[in-house]
């Protein structure tokens, strides 16, 4: 009697085994040449865009053969011949931060416009991980690296001496020994502070970034200069991570004080969202009792509740500059600084008519 499963004595024919994987050899340049009726060298000229010109008719024949055969050039072999991988590396401290996510997209678009792929690495603000990624990207022979450093110093000497071009963005000052493309952090903080002062706020606290970062020191300097120029004391500066929780915790501390501020400037949009949440939990109305502004200008700032007044960094321009220099800089060390633009919204007290 046959078992229900068909596995007992007297079962039907044994099913045929699955077909073996295809052993067809990969399509080669010679295969394309044969189908197109040209030499293998002509196929190479078409694929590589030179070095010799190819007529339109011949090019069309080669391209049709490539399409019909599904030919894919060996990118590794081509890279070895040309000495370039057409890949760049981007090292970020926190890819989940909306600002760095936007920056990564901008760098990726700029790289693609130049015919380059992008490898993205996230250090979670660990200098040890940053060192590991720098080494790994160098061994992978990327054509250049763009880095938002997790370091608290300015020394990239060991990497500046390599043949791989490096551009540092956002965090390192001009004193560093590699090229830099960055936002004018001090001017951005001063702009936001002056705007809060213009709303009649007197006690403007600052939620700065982590200690010893160049970006943190620059934003403190801009806030302090604007306060002192207005004749008001610069008081209420606290350090916090560039995170939602960092902004929330810092705001809870500031707003729980007896002499609490009537405005807070956050050093990043994510911190400012944390500030808004902390104020809501404490029953403090924004902007009536507390005005809030920040720096970064990420798209998410427009969707905070209330919408967030912020100084927008020109991310696309900075990314384009960094990518262009890492590809075409030829070893020159440059330092480029970009100014931001104040976007007025509800969190500071601006009306809808001027808020967008």
C-alpha atoms as a PDB file:
ATOM      1  CA  UNK A   1       0.000   0.000   0.000  1.00  0.00           C
ATOM      2  CA  UNK A   2       1.358   3.367  -0.899  1.00  0.00           C
ATOM      3  CA  UNK A   3       1.834   5.770   1.968  1.00  0.00           C
ATOM      4  CA  UNK A   4      -0.019   9.100   1.779  1.00  0.00           C
ATOM      5  CA  UNK A   5       3.243  10.882   1.339  1.00  0.00           C
ATOM      6  CA  UNK A   6       4.211   8.793  -1.633  1.00  0.00           C
ATOM      7  CA  UNK A   7       7.429   7.711   0.099  1.00  0.00           C
ATOM      8  CA  UNK A   8       6.562   4.076   0.920  1.00  0.00           C
ATOM      9  CA  UNK A   9       7.076   0.893  -1.040  1.00  0.00           C
ATOM     10  CA  UNK A  10       5.198   0.933  -4.304  1.00  0.00           C
ATOM     11  CA  UNK A  11       5.308   4.745  -4.692  1.00  0.00           C
ATOM     12  CA  UNK A  12       5.149   6.236  -8.170  1.00  0.00           C
ATOM     13  CA  UNK A  13       8.138   7.282 -10.264  1.00  0.00           C
ATOM     14  CA  UNK A  14      10.830   9.222  -8.459  1.00  0.00           C
ATOM     15  CA  UNK A  15      10.650  12.910  -9.468  1.00  0.00           C
ATOM     16  CA  UNK A  16      13.420  14.063 -11.770  1.00  0.00           C
ATOM     17  CA  UNK A  17      16.146  16.109 -10.055  1.00  0.00           C
ATOM     18  CA  UNK A  18      16.103  19.873 -10.651  1.00  0.00           C
ATOM     19  CA  UNK A  19      18.031  21.009 -13.687  1.00  0.00           C
ATOM     20  CA  UNK A  20      21.675  21.789 -13.073  1.00  0.00           C
ATOM     21  CA  UNK A  21      22.648  25.457 -13.013  1.00  0.00           C
ATOM     22  CA  UNK A  22      23.574  26.853 -16.385  1.00  0.00           C
ATOM     23  CA  UNK A  23      27.247  26.459 -17.206  1.00  0.00           C
ATOM     24  CA  UNK A  24      27.155  28.822 -20.149  1.00  0.00           C
ATOM     25  CA  UNK A  25      30.360  30.797 -20.318  1.00  0.00           C
ATOM     26  CA  UNK A  26      30.046  34.530 -19.730  1.00  0.00           C
ATOM     27  CA  UNK A  27      29.731  36.694 -22.800  1.00  0.00           C
ATOM     28  CA  UNK A  28      33.082  38.150 -23.830  1.00  0.00           C
ATOM     29  CA  UNK A  29      34.198  41.115 -25.825  1.00  0.00           C
ATOM     30  CA  UNK A  30      35.116  38.736 -28.661  1.00  0.00           C
ATOM     31  CA  UNK A  31      31.528  37.425 -28.757  1.00  0.00           C
ATOM     32  CA  UNK A  32      30.261  40.980 -29.187  1.00  0.00           C
ATOM     33  CA  UNK A  33      32.852  41.645 -31.884  1.00  0.00           C
ATOM     34  CA  UNK A  34      31.824  38.518 -33.813  1.00  0.00           C
ATOM     35  CA  UNK A  35      28.123  39.391 -33.765  1.00  0.00           C
ATOM     36  CA  UNK A  36      28.765  43.024 -34.732  1.00  0.00           C
ATOM     37  CA  UNK A  37      31.277  42.099 -37.426  1.00  0.00           C
ATOM     38  CA  UNK A  38      34.031  44.273 -35.972  1.00  0.00           C
ATOM     39  CA  UNK A  39      37.289  43.758 -34.111  1.00  0.00           C
ATOM     40  CA  UNK A  40      37.519  43.327 -30.353  1.00  0.00           C
ATOM     41  CA  UNK A  41      39.438  46.608 -30.225  1.00  0.00           C
ATOM     42  CA  UNK A  42      36.468  48.474 -31.727  1.00  0.00           C
ATOM     43  CA  UNK A  43      34.196  47.000 -29.060  1.00  0.00           C
ATOM     44  CA  UNK A  44      36.650  48.328 -26.459  1.00  0.00           C
ATOM     45  CA  UNK A  45      36.557  51.792 -28.053  1.00  0.00           C
ATOM     46  CA  UNK A  46      32.764  51.829 -27.842  1.00  0.00           C
ATOM     47  CA  UNK A  47      32.614  50.560 -24.256  1.00  0.00           C
ATOM     48  CA  UNK A  48      35.351  52.863 -22.989  1.00  0.00           C
ATOM     49  CA  UNK A  49      34.526  55.907 -25.070  1.00  0.00           C
ATOM     50  CA  UNK A  50      37.868  55.826 -26.869  1.00  0.00           C
ATOM     51  CA  UNK A  51      40.723  56.289 -27.272  1.00  0.00           C
ATOM     52  CA  UNK A  52      39.900  56.112 -30.994  1.00  0.00           C
ATOM     53  CA  UNK A  53      36.691  57.450 -32.584  1.00  0.00           C
ATOM     54  CA  UNK A  54      34.049  55.060 -33.901  1.00  0.00           C
ATOM     55  CA  UNK A  55      31.518  55.896 -36.627  1.00  0.00           C
ATOM     56  CA  UNK A  56      27.860  56.188 -35.686  1.00  0.00           C
ATOM     57  CA  UNK A  57      26.903  53.161 -37.803  1.00  0.00           C
ATOM     58  CA  UNK A  58      29.594  50.947 -36.250  1.00  0.00           C
ATOM     59  CA  UNK A  59      28.766  52.135 -32.753  1.00  0.00           C
ATOM     60  CA  UNK A  60      25.100  51.238 -33.280  1.00  0.00           C
ATOM     61  CA  UNK A  61      26.072  47.728 -34.452  1.00  0.00           C
ATOM     62  CA  UNK A  62      28.244  47.201 -31.367  1.00  0.00           C
ATOM     63  CA  UNK A  63      25.596  48.551 -29.000  1.00  0.00           C
ATOM     64  CA  UNK A  64      22.953  46.292 -30.591  1.00  0.00           C
ATOM     65  CA  UNK A  65      25.226  43.260 -30.113  1.00  0.00           C
ATOM     66  CA  UNK A  66      25.897  44.226 -26.497  1.00  0.00           C
ATOM     67  CA  UNK A  67      22.157  44.461 -25.884  1.00  0.00           C
ATOM     68  CA  UNK A  68      21.360  41.182 -27.646  1.00  0.00           C
ATOM     69  CA  UNK A  69      24.073  39.201 -25.854  1.00  0.00           C
ATOM     70  CA  UNK A  70      23.697  40.859 -22.465  1.00  0.00           C
ATOM     71  CA  UNK A  71      27.406  41.726 -22.367  1.00  0.00           C
ATOM     72  CA  UNK A  72      28.708  43.340 -19.174  1.00  0.00           C
ATOM     73  CA  UNK A  73      32.273  44.687 -19.202  1.00  0.00           C
ATOM     74  CA  UNK A  74      34.575  43.505 -16.409  1.00  0.00           C
ATOM     75  CA  UNK A  75      34.668  46.568 -14.193  1.00  0.00           C
ATOM     76  CA  UNK A  76      37.571  45.286 -12.114  1.00  0.00           C
ATOM     77  CA  UNK A  77      39.762  44.697 -15.137  1.00  0.00           C
ATOM     78  CA  UNK A  78      38.850  48.099 -16.540  1.00  0.00           C
ATOM     79  CA  UNK A  79      39.722  49.757 -13.222  1.00  0.00           C
ATOM     80  CA  UNK A  80      43.128  48.066 -13.201  1.00  0.00           C
ATOM     81  CA  UNK A  81      43.809  49.234 -16.751  1.00  0.00           C
ATOM     82  CA  UNK A  82      42.738  52.811 -16.124  1.00  0.00           C
ATOM     83  CA  UNK A  83      44.060  53.089 -12.567  1.00  0.00           C
ATOM     84  CA  UNK A  84      40.658  54.352 -11.361  1.00  0.00           C
ATOM     85  CA  UNK A  85      37.659  52.659  -9.757  1.00  0.00           C
ATOM     86  CA  UNK A  86      35.184  55.498 -10.379  1.00  0.00           C
ATOM     87  CA  UNK A  87      34.029  55.080  -6.792  1.00  0.00           C
ATOM     88  CA  UNK A  88      34.170  57.554  -3.915  1.00  0.00           C
ATOM     89  CA  UNK A  89      33.852  56.947  -0.190  1.00  0.00           C
ATOM     90  CA  UNK A  90      31.690  59.012   2.166  1.00  0.00           C
ATOM     91  CA  UNK A  91      32.264  58.646   5.920  1.00  0.00           C
ATOM     92  CA  UNK A  92      29.505  60.020   8.158  1.00  0.00           C
ATOM     93  CA  UNK A  93      29.184  60.184  11.957  1.00  0.00           C
ATOM     94  CA  UNK A  94      25.464  59.349  12.054  1.00  0.00           C
ATOM     95  CA  UNK A  95      23.612  58.379   8.888  1.00  0.00           C
ATOM     96  CA  UNK A  96      20.290  58.391  10.761  1.00  0.00           C
ATOM     97  CA  UNK A  97      20.540  62.141  11.443  1.00  0.00           C
ATOM     98  CA  UNK A  98      18.323  63.909   8.846  1.00  0.00           C
ATOM     99  CA  UNK A  99      21.050  66.438   8.075  1.00  0.00           C
ATOM    100  CA  UNK A 100      23.638  63.765   7.304  1.00  0.00           C
ATOM    101  CA  UNK A 101      21.056  61.757   5.363  1.00  0.00           C
ATOM    102  CA  UNK A 102      20.381  64.818   3.206  1.00  0.00           C
ATOM    103  CA  UNK A 103      24.116  65.432   2.836  1.00  0.00           C
ATOM    104  CA  UNK A 104      24.643  61.817   1.734  1.00  0.00           C
ATOM    105  CA  UNK A 105      21.967  62.162  -0.965  1.00  0.00           C
ATOM    106  CA  UNK A 106      23.523  65.416  -2.178  1.00  0.00           C
ATOM    107  CA  UNK A 107      27.009  63.872  -2.364  1.00  0.00           C
ATOM    108  CA  UNK A 108      25.585  60.816  -4.134  1.00  0.00           C
ATOM    109  CA  UNK A 109      23.859  62.998  -6.743  1.00  0.00           C
ATOM    110  CA  UNK A 110      27.022  65.027  -7.317  1.00  0.00           C
ATOM    111  CA  UNK A 111      29.094  61.855  -7.630  1.00  0.00           C
ATOM    112  CA  UNK A 112      26.627  60.333 -10.109  1.00  0.00           C
ATOM    113  CA  UNK A 113      26.733  63.470 -12.269  1.00  0.00           C
ATOM    114  CA  UNK A 114      30.479  62.900 -12.549  1.00  0.00           C
ATOM    115  CA  UNK A 115      30.132  59.194 -13.330  1.00  0.00           C
ATOM    116  CA  UNK A 116      31.078  57.918  -9.869  1.00  0.00           C
ATOM    117  CA  UNK A 117      29.462  55.464  -7.484  1.00  0.00           C
ATOM    118  CA  UNK A 118      29.419  56.198  -3.741  1.00  0.00           C
ATOM    119  CA  UNK A 119      30.256  53.942  -0.802  1.00  0.00           C
ATOM    120  CA  UNK A 120      28.742  55.237   2.463  1.00  0.00           C
ATOM    121  CA  UNK A 121      30.177  54.366   5.884  1.00  0.00           C
ATOM    122  CA  UNK A 122      28.685  55.248   9.275  1.00  0.00           C
ATOM    123  CA  UNK A 123      31.038  55.665  12.264  1.00  0.00           C
ATOM    124  CA  UNK A 124      28.429  56.330  14.982  1.00  0.00           C
ATOM    125  CA  UNK A 125      30.803  59.120  16.072  1.00  0.00           C
ATOM    126  CA  UNK A 126      33.559  56.625  16.882  1.00  0.00           C
ATOM    127  CA  UNK A 127      37.109  57.762  15.972  1.00  0.00           C
ATOM    128  CA  UNK A 128      38.184  54.105  15.996  1.00  0.00           C
ATOM    129  CA  UNK A 129      35.498  53.175  13.441  1.00  0.00           C
ATOM    130  CA  UNK A 130      36.444  56.221  11.392  1.00  0.00           C
ATOM    131  CA  UNK A 131      40.068  55.039  11.272  1.00  0.00           C
ATOM    132  CA  UNK A 132      38.935  51.565  10.242  1.00  0.00           C
ATOM    133  CA  UNK A 133      36.767  52.914   7.409  1.00  0.00           C
ATOM    134  CA  UNK A 134      39.537  55.183   6.169  1.00  0.00           C
ATOM    135  CA  UNK A 135      41.820  52.170   5.974  1.00  0.00           C
ATOM    136  CA  UNK A 136      39.169  49.975   4.351  1.00  0.00           C
ATOM    137  CA  UNK A 137      38.248  52.522   1.679  1.00  0.00           C
ATOM    138  CA  UNK A 138      41.922  53.070   0.889  1.00  0.00           C
ATOM    139  CA  UNK A 139      42.446  49.323   0.428  1.00  0.00           C
ATOM    140  CA  UNK A 140      39.409  49.240  -1.861  1.00  0.00           C
ATOM    141  CA  UNK A 141      41.203  51.849  -3.988  1.00  0.00           C
ATOM    142  CA  UNK A 142      38.401  54.397  -4.079  1.00  0.00           C
ATOM    143  CA  UNK A 143      39.339  57.458  -6.111  1.00  0.00           C
ATOM    144  CA  UNK A 144      38.643  59.854  -3.230  1.00  0.00           C
ATOM    145  CA  UNK A 145      37.087  60.174   0.212  1.00  0.00           C
ATOM    146  CA  UNK A 146      34.751  62.735   1.742  1.00  0.00           C
ATOM    147  CA  UNK A 147      34.587  62.673   5.518  1.00  0.00           C
ATOM    148  CA  UNK A 148      32.524  64.272   8.259  1.00  0.00           C
ATOM    149  CA  UNK A 149      34.994  63.489  10.996  1.00  0.00           C
ATOM    150  CA  UNK A 150      34.273  62.091  14.444  1.00  0.00           C
ATOM    151  CA  UNK A 151      37.644  63.416  15.635  1.00  0.00           C
ATOM    152  CA  UNK A 152      37.955  66.167  18.202  1.00  0.00           C
ATOM    153  CA  UNK A 153      41.369  67.249  16.875  1.00  0.00           C
ATOM    154  CA  UNK A 154      42.473  68.520  13.481  1.00  0.00           C
ATOM    155  CA  UNK A 155      45.134  65.938  12.699  1.00  0.00           C
ATOM    156  CA  UNK A 156      44.611  63.814   9.613  1.00  0.00           C
ATOM    157  CA  UNK A 157      48.335  63.729   8.840  1.00  0.00           C
ATOM    158  CA  UNK A 158      48.636  60.006   8.191  1.00  0.00           C
ATOM    159  CA  UNK A 159      45.789  60.116   5.683  1.00  0.00           C
ATOM    160  CA  UNK A 160      46.783  63.425   4.124  1.00  0.00           C
ATOM    161  CA  UNK A 161      50.005  61.733   3.005  1.00  0.00           C
ATOM    162  CA  UNK A 162      48.231  58.966   1.086  1.00  0.00           C
ATOM    163  CA  UNK A 163      47.596  59.136  -2.652  1.00  0.00           C
ATOM    164  CA  UNK A 164      43.821  59.044  -2.060  1.00  0.00           C
ATOM    165  CA  UNK A 165      42.397  62.607  -2.083  1.00  0.00           C
ATOM    166  CA  UNK A 166      40.406  63.565   1.025  1.00  0.00           C
ATOM    167  CA  UNK A 167      37.948  66.407   1.605  1.00  0.00           C
ATOM    168  CA  UNK A 168      36.643  67.018   5.136  1.00  0.00           C
ATOM    169  CA  UNK A 169      33.161  68.493   5.526  1.00  0.00           C
ATOM    170  CA  UNK A 170      31.210  70.182   8.310  1.00  0.00           C
ATOM    171  CA  UNK A 171      33.248  69.562  11.445  1.00  0.00           C
ATOM    172  CA  UNK A 172      36.951  70.268  10.967  1.00  0.00           C
ATOM    173  CA  UNK A 173      38.251  73.864  10.939  1.00  0.00           C
ATOM    174  CA  UNK A 174      40.497  75.384   8.295  1.00  0.00           C
ATOM    175  CA  UNK A 175      43.540  74.567  10.443  1.00  0.00           C
ATOM    176  CA  UNK A 176      43.315  70.933   9.382  1.00  0.00           C
ATOM    177  CA  UNK A 177      45.862  69.544   6.922  1.00  0.00           C
ATOM    178  CA  UNK A 178      43.357  68.311   4.326  1.00  0.00           C
ATOM    179  CA  UNK A 179      40.936  70.234   2.136  1.00  0.00           C
ATOM    180  CA  UNK A 180      37.757  71.411   3.853  1.00  0.00           C
ATOM    181  CA  UNK A 181      34.291  72.353   2.608  1.00  0.00           C
ATOM    182  CA  UNK A 182      32.092  73.600   5.405  1.00  0.00           C
ATOM    183  CA  UNK A 183      29.283  75.817   6.557  1.00  0.00           C
ATOM    184  CA  UNK A 184      29.989  79.118   8.340  1.00  0.00           C
ATOM    185  CA  UNK A 185      28.808  77.795  11.697  1.00  0.00           C
ATOM    186  CA  UNK A 186      29.567  80.955  13.658  1.00  0.00           C
ATOM    187  CA  UNK A 187      27.678  83.192  11.226  1.00  0.00           C
ATOM    188  CA  UNK A 188      24.751  80.785  11.143  1.00  0.00           C
ATOM    189  CA  UNK A 189      24.461  80.818  14.931  1.00  0.00           C
ATOM    190  CA  UNK A 190      24.784  84.607  15.032  1.00  0.00           C
ATOM    191  CA  UNK A 191      22.053  84.987  12.382  1.00  0.00           C
ATOM    192  CA  UNK A 192      19.617  82.795  14.301  1.00  0.00           C
ATOM    193  CA  UNK A 193      20.419  84.537  17.605  1.00  0.00           C
ATOM    194  CA  UNK A 194      19.869  88.001  16.136  1.00  0.00           C
ATOM    195  CA  UNK A 195      16.532  86.864  14.747  1.00  0.00           C
ATOM    196  CA  UNK A 196      15.400  85.697  18.187  1.00  0.00           C
ATOM    197  CA  UNK A 197      16.565  89.002  19.662  1.00  0.00           C
ATOM    198  CA  UNK A 198      14.509  90.836  17.043  1.00  0.00           C
ATOM    199  CA  UNK A 199      11.446  89.069  18.457  1.00  0.00           C
ATOM    200  CA  UNK A 200      12.136  90.765  21.794  1.00  0.00           C
ATOM    201  CA  UNK A 201      13.680  87.755  23.504  1.00  0.00           C
ATOM    202  CA  UNK A 202      16.232  88.633  26.175  1.00  0.00           C
ATOM    203  CA  UNK A 203      17.381  85.342  27.650  1.00  0.00           C
ATOM    204  CA  UNK A 204      18.410  83.144  24.718  1.00  0.00           C
ATOM    205  CA  UNK A 205      19.973  79.864  25.787  1.00  0.00           C
ATOM    206  CA  UNK A 206      22.070  77.706  23.474  1.00  0.00           C
ATOM    207  CA  UNK A 207      22.002  73.944  23.181  1.00  0.00           C
ATOM    208  CA  UNK A 208      25.431  73.320  21.692  1.00  0.00           C
ATOM    209  CA  UNK A 209      26.827  70.096  20.310  1.00  0.00           C
ATOM    210  CA  UNK A 210      29.288  67.712  21.966  1.00  0.00           C
ATOM    211  CA  UNK A 211      32.359  69.294  23.567  1.00  0.00           C
ATOM    212  CA  UNK A 212      35.649  69.791  21.716  1.00  0.00           C
ATOM    213  CA  UNK A 213      34.155  69.595  18.234  1.00  0.00           C
ATOM    214  CA  UNK A 214      35.122  72.521  16.001  1.00  0.00           C
ATOM    215  CA  UNK A 215      31.511  72.928  14.865  1.00  0.00           C
ATOM    216  CA  UNK A 216      30.396  73.210  18.493  1.00  0.00           C
ATOM    217  CA  UNK A 217      32.962  75.860  19.346  1.00  0.00           C
ATOM    218  CA  UNK A 218      32.119  77.874  16.229  1.00  0.00           C
ATOM    219  CA  UNK A 219      28.384  77.911  16.967  1.00  0.00           C
ATOM    220  CA  UNK A 220      29.007  78.926  20.578  1.00  0.00           C
ATOM    221  CA  UNK A 221      31.202  81.789  19.350  1.00  0.00           C
ATOM    222  CA  UNK A 222      28.509  83.050  16.967  1.00  0.00           C
ATOM    223  CA  UNK A 223      25.788  82.890  19.635  1.00  0.00           C
ATOM    224  CA  UNK A 224      27.991  84.615  22.209  1.00  0.00           C
ATOM    225  CA  UNK A 225      29.028  87.383  19.807  1.00  0.00           C
ATOM    226  CA  UNK A 226      25.417  88.174  18.866  1.00  0.00           C
ATOM    227  CA  UNK A 227      24.334  88.285  22.520  1.00  0.00           C
ATOM    228  CA  UNK A 228      27.211  90.503  23.618  1.00  0.00           C
ATOM    229  CA  UNK A 229      26.719  92.864  20.661  1.00  0.00           C
ATOM    230  CA  UNK A 230      23.109  93.322  21.766  1.00  0.00           C
ATOM    231  CA  UNK A 231      24.241  94.205  25.285  1.00  0.00           C
ATOM    232  CA  UNK A 232      22.783  91.059  26.826  1.00  0.00           C
ATOM    233  CA  UNK A 233      24.714  88.369  28.692  1.00  0.00           C
ATOM    234  CA  UNK A 234      25.412  85.088  26.954  1.00  0.00           C
ATOM    235  CA  UNK A 235      24.158  82.592  29.523  1.00  0.00           C
ATOM    236  CA  UNK A 236      22.560  79.188  29.483  1.00  0.00           C
ATOM    237  CA  UNK A 237      24.871  77.214  27.184  1.00  0.00           C
ATOM    238  CA  UNK A 238      24.618  73.438  27.577  1.00  0.00           C
ATOM    239  CA  UNK A 239      26.229  70.648  25.567  1.00  0.00           C
ATOM    240  CA  UNK A 240      24.223  67.768  24.133  1.00  0.00           C
ATOM    241  CA  UNK A 241      24.531  65.139  21.394  1.00  0.00           C
ATOM    242  CA  UNK A 242      23.152  65.993  17.964  1.00  0.00           C
ATOM    243  CA  UNK A 243      20.083  63.808  18.606  1.00  0.00           C
ATOM    244  CA  UNK A 244      16.382  64.190  19.432  1.00  0.00           C
ATOM    245  CA  UNK A 245      17.024  62.823  22.925  1.00  0.00           C
ATOM    246  CA  UNK A 246      19.973  65.149  23.402  1.00  0.00           C
ATOM    247  CA  UNK A 247      17.830  68.185  22.618  1.00  0.00           C
ATOM    248  CA  UNK A 248      14.986  66.901  24.779  1.00  0.00           C
ATOM    249  CA  UNK A 249      17.169  66.301  27.851  1.00  0.00           C
ATOM    250  CA  UNK A 250      18.991  69.611  27.527  1.00  0.00           C
ATOM    251  CA  UNK A 251      15.713  71.526  27.137  1.00  0.00           C
ATOM    252  CA  UNK A 252      14.202  69.797  30.180  1.00  0.00           C
ATOM    253  CA  UNK A 253      17.163  70.964  32.233  1.00  0.00           C
ATOM    254  CA  UNK A 254      17.046  74.534  30.922  1.00  0.00           C
ATOM    255  CA  UNK A 255      13.272  74.888  31.220  1.00  0.00           C
ATOM    256  CA  UNK A 256      13.155  73.450  34.730  1.00  0.00           C
ATOM    257  CA  UNK A 257      15.379  76.228  36.089  1.00  0.00           C
ATOM    258  CA  UNK A 258      13.911  79.068  38.144  1.00  0.00           C
ATOM    259  CA  UNK A 259      15.299  81.656  35.705  1.00  0.00           C
ATOM    260  CA  UNK A 260      14.368  79.788  32.587  1.00  0.00           C
ATOM    261  CA  UNK A 261      15.150  81.176  29.101  1.00  0.00           C
ATOM    262  CA  UNK A 262      12.506  82.764  26.906  1.00  0.00           C
ATOM    263  CA  UNK A 263      14.217  81.438  23.755  1.00  0.00           C
ATOM    264  CA  UNK A 264      16.420  78.495  22.847  1.00  0.00           C
ATOM    265  CA  UNK A 265      18.764  78.203  19.901  1.00  0.00           C
ATOM    266  CA  UNK A 266      19.482  74.538  19.134  1.00  0.00           C
ATOM    267  CA  UNK A 267      22.632  73.651  17.218  1.00  0.00           C
ATOM    268  CA  UNK A 268      20.768  71.185  14.992  1.00  0.00           C
ATOM    269  CA  UNK A 269      17.261  70.559  13.763  1.00  0.00           C
ATOM    270  CA  UNK A 270      17.035  67.206  15.545  1.00  0.00           C
ATOM    271  CA  UNK A 271      17.940  68.865  18.854  1.00  0.00           C
ATOM    272  CA  UNK A 272      15.277  71.512  18.203  1.00  0.00           C
ATOM    273  CA  UNK A 273      12.598  68.864  17.662  1.00  0.00           C
ATOM    274  CA  UNK A 274      13.609  67.473  21.039  1.00  0.00           C
ATOM    275  CA  UNK A 275      13.238  70.974  22.512  1.00  0.00           C
ATOM    276  CA  UNK A 276       9.704  71.286  21.125  1.00  0.00           C
ATOM    277  CA  UNK A 277       8.797  67.919  22.643  1.00  0.00           C
ATOM    278  CA  UNK A 278      10.234  68.853  26.043  1.00  0.00           C
ATOM    279  CA  UNK A 279       8.322  72.151  26.075  1.00  0.00           C
ATOM    280  CA  UNK A 280       5.085  70.320  25.273  1.00  0.00           C
ATOM    281  CA  UNK A 281       5.643  67.881  28.141  1.00  0.00           C
ATOM    282  CA  UNK A 282       6.284  70.790  30.521  1.00  0.00           C
ATOM    283  CA  UNK A 283       3.218  72.698  29.330  1.00  0.00           C
ATOM    284  CA  UNK A 284       5.262  75.572  27.883  1.00  0.00           C
ATOM    285  CA  UNK A 285       3.726  77.186  24.820  1.00  0.00           C
ATOM    286  CA  UNK A 286       5.804  77.756  21.692  1.00  0.00           C
ATOM    287  CA  UNK A 287       6.260  80.477  20.561  1.00  0.00           C
ATOM    288  CA  UNK A 288       4.256  82.374  23.205  1.00  0.00           C
ATOM    289  CA  UNK A 289       6.376  81.453  26.222  1.00  0.00           C
ATOM    290  CA  UNK A 290       9.394  80.074  24.408  1.00  0.00           C
ATOM    291  CA  UNK A 291      10.808  80.896  20.980  1.00  0.00           C
ATOM    292  CA  UNK A 292      12.893  78.221  19.258  1.00  0.00           C
ATOM    293  CA  UNK A 293      15.324  78.337  16.350  1.00  0.00           C
ATOM    294  CA  UNK A 294      17.962  75.979  15.028  1.00  0.00           C
ATOM    295  CA  UNK A 295      20.664  75.375  12.457  1.00  0.00           C
ATOM    296  CA  UNK A 296      20.714  72.904   9.520  1.00  0.00           C
ATOM    297  CA  UNK A 297      17.527  73.560   7.534  1.00  0.00           C
ATOM    298  CA  UNK A 298      16.585  69.958   6.848  1.00  0.00           C
ATOM    299  CA  UNK A 299      13.258  69.371   5.049  1.00  0.00           C
ATOM    300  CA  UNK A 300      11.876  67.802   8.249  1.00  0.00           C
ATOM    301  CA  UNK A 301      12.037  71.194   9.991  1.00  0.00           C
ATOM    302  CA  UNK A 302       9.044  72.391   7.983  1.00  0.00           C
ATOM    303  CA  UNK A 303       6.920  69.552   9.401  1.00  0.00           C
ATOM    304  CA  UNK A 304       7.734  70.033  13.096  1.00  0.00           C
ATOM    305  CA  UNK A 305       4.864  71.269  15.258  1.00  0.00           C
ATOM    306  CA  UNK A 306       5.191  74.206  15.322  1.00  0.00           C
ATOM    307  CA  UNK A 307       7.193  74.474  12.119  1.00  0.00           C
ATOM    308  CA  UNK A 308      10.803  75.237  12.878  1.00  0.00           C
ATOM    309  CA  UNK A 309      12.686  78.454  12.154  1.00  0.00           C
ATOM    310  CA  UNK A 310      16.149  77.397  11.026  1.00  0.00           C
ATOM    311  CA  UNK A 311      19.286  78.509   9.230  1.00  0.00           C
ATOM    312  CA  UNK A 312      19.603  76.292   6.171  1.00  0.00           C
ATOM    313  CA  UNK A 313      22.987  75.013   5.110  1.00  0.00           C
ATOM    314  CA  UNK A 314      23.536  75.050   1.310  1.00  0.00           C
ATOM    315  CA  UNK A 315      23.962  71.279   1.210  1.00  0.00           C
ATOM    316  CA  UNK A 316      23.846  70.834  -2.571  1.00  0.00           C
ATOM    317  CA  UNK A 317      26.466  73.510  -3.217  1.00  0.00           C
ATOM    318  CA  UNK A 318      28.778  72.153  -0.528  1.00  0.00           C
ATOM    319  CA  UNK A 319      28.409  68.580  -1.778  1.00  0.00           C
ATOM    320  CA  UNK A 320      29.095  69.611  -5.386  1.00  0.00           C
ATOM    321  CA  UNK A 321      32.224  71.480  -4.305  1.00  0.00           C
ATOM    322  CA  UNK A 322      33.528  68.557  -2.233  1.00  0.00           C
ATOM    323  CA  UNK A 323      32.939  66.014  -5.010  1.00  0.00           C
ATOM    324  CA  UNK A 324      34.488  68.243  -7.675  1.00  0.00           C
ATOM    325  CA  UNK A 325      37.604  68.839  -5.619  1.00  0.00           C
ATOM    326  CA  UNK A 326      38.111  65.241  -4.549  1.00  0.00           C
ATOM    327  CA  UNK A 327      37.968  64.230  -8.235  1.00  0.00           C
ATOM    328  CA  UNK A 328      39.740  67.156  -9.895  1.00  0.00           C
ATOM    329  CA  UNK A 329      41.729  68.809  -7.087  1.00  0.00           C
ATOM    330  CA  UNK A 330      45.087  67.293  -8.125  1.00  0.00           C
ATOM    331  CA  UNK A 331      46.475  67.439  -4.599  1.00  0.00           C
ATOM    332  CA  UNK A 332      45.717  71.114  -3.930  1.00  0.00           C
ATOM    333  CA  UNK A 333      44.553  71.860  -0.365  1.00  0.00           C
ATOM    334  CA  UNK A 334      41.574  74.223  -0.345  1.00  0.00           C
ATOM    335  CA  UNK A 335      39.304  75.660   2.339  1.00  0.00           C
ATOM    336  CA  UNK A 336      35.785  76.701   1.251  1.00  0.00           C
ATOM    337  CA  UNK A 337      33.195  78.179   3.593  1.00  0.00           C
ATOM    338  CA  UNK A 338      29.516  78.677   2.701  1.00  0.00           C
ATOM    339  CA  UNK A 339      26.933  80.940   4.317  1.00  0.00           C
ATOM    340  CA  UNK A 340      23.412  79.856   5.205  1.00  0.00           C
ATOM    341  CA  UNK A 341      19.921  81.271   4.750  1.00  0.00           C
ATOM    342  CA  UNK A 342      17.427  81.981   7.531  1.00  0.00           C
ATOM    343  CA  UNK A 343      14.054  80.302   6.984  1.00  0.00           C
ATOM    344  CA  UNK A 344      11.372  81.952   9.140  1.00  0.00           C
ATOM    345  CA  UNK A 345       8.592  79.762  10.491  1.00  0.00           C
ATOM    346  CA  UNK A 346       6.230  79.518  13.468  1.00  0.00           C
ATOM    347  CA  UNK A 347       8.579  78.365  16.236  1.00  0.00           C
ATOM    348  CA  UNK A 348      10.086  81.832  16.697  1.00  0.00           C
ATOM    349  CA  UNK A 349       6.825  83.765  16.372  1.00  0.00           C
ATOM    350  CA  UNK A 350       6.881  84.615  12.690  1.00  0.00           C
ATOM    351  CA  UNK A 351       3.446  84.702  11.077  1.00  0.00           C
ATOM    352  CA  UNK A 352       2.370  82.338   8.283  1.00  0.00           C
ATOM    353  CA  UNK A 353       2.789  85.144   5.752  1.00  0.00           C
ATOM    354  CA  UNK A 354       6.528  85.357   6.480  1.00  0.00           C
ATOM    355  CA  UNK A 355       7.029  81.824   7.616  1.00  0.00           C
ATOM    356  CA  UNK A 356       7.611  80.128   4.255  1.00  0.00           C
END
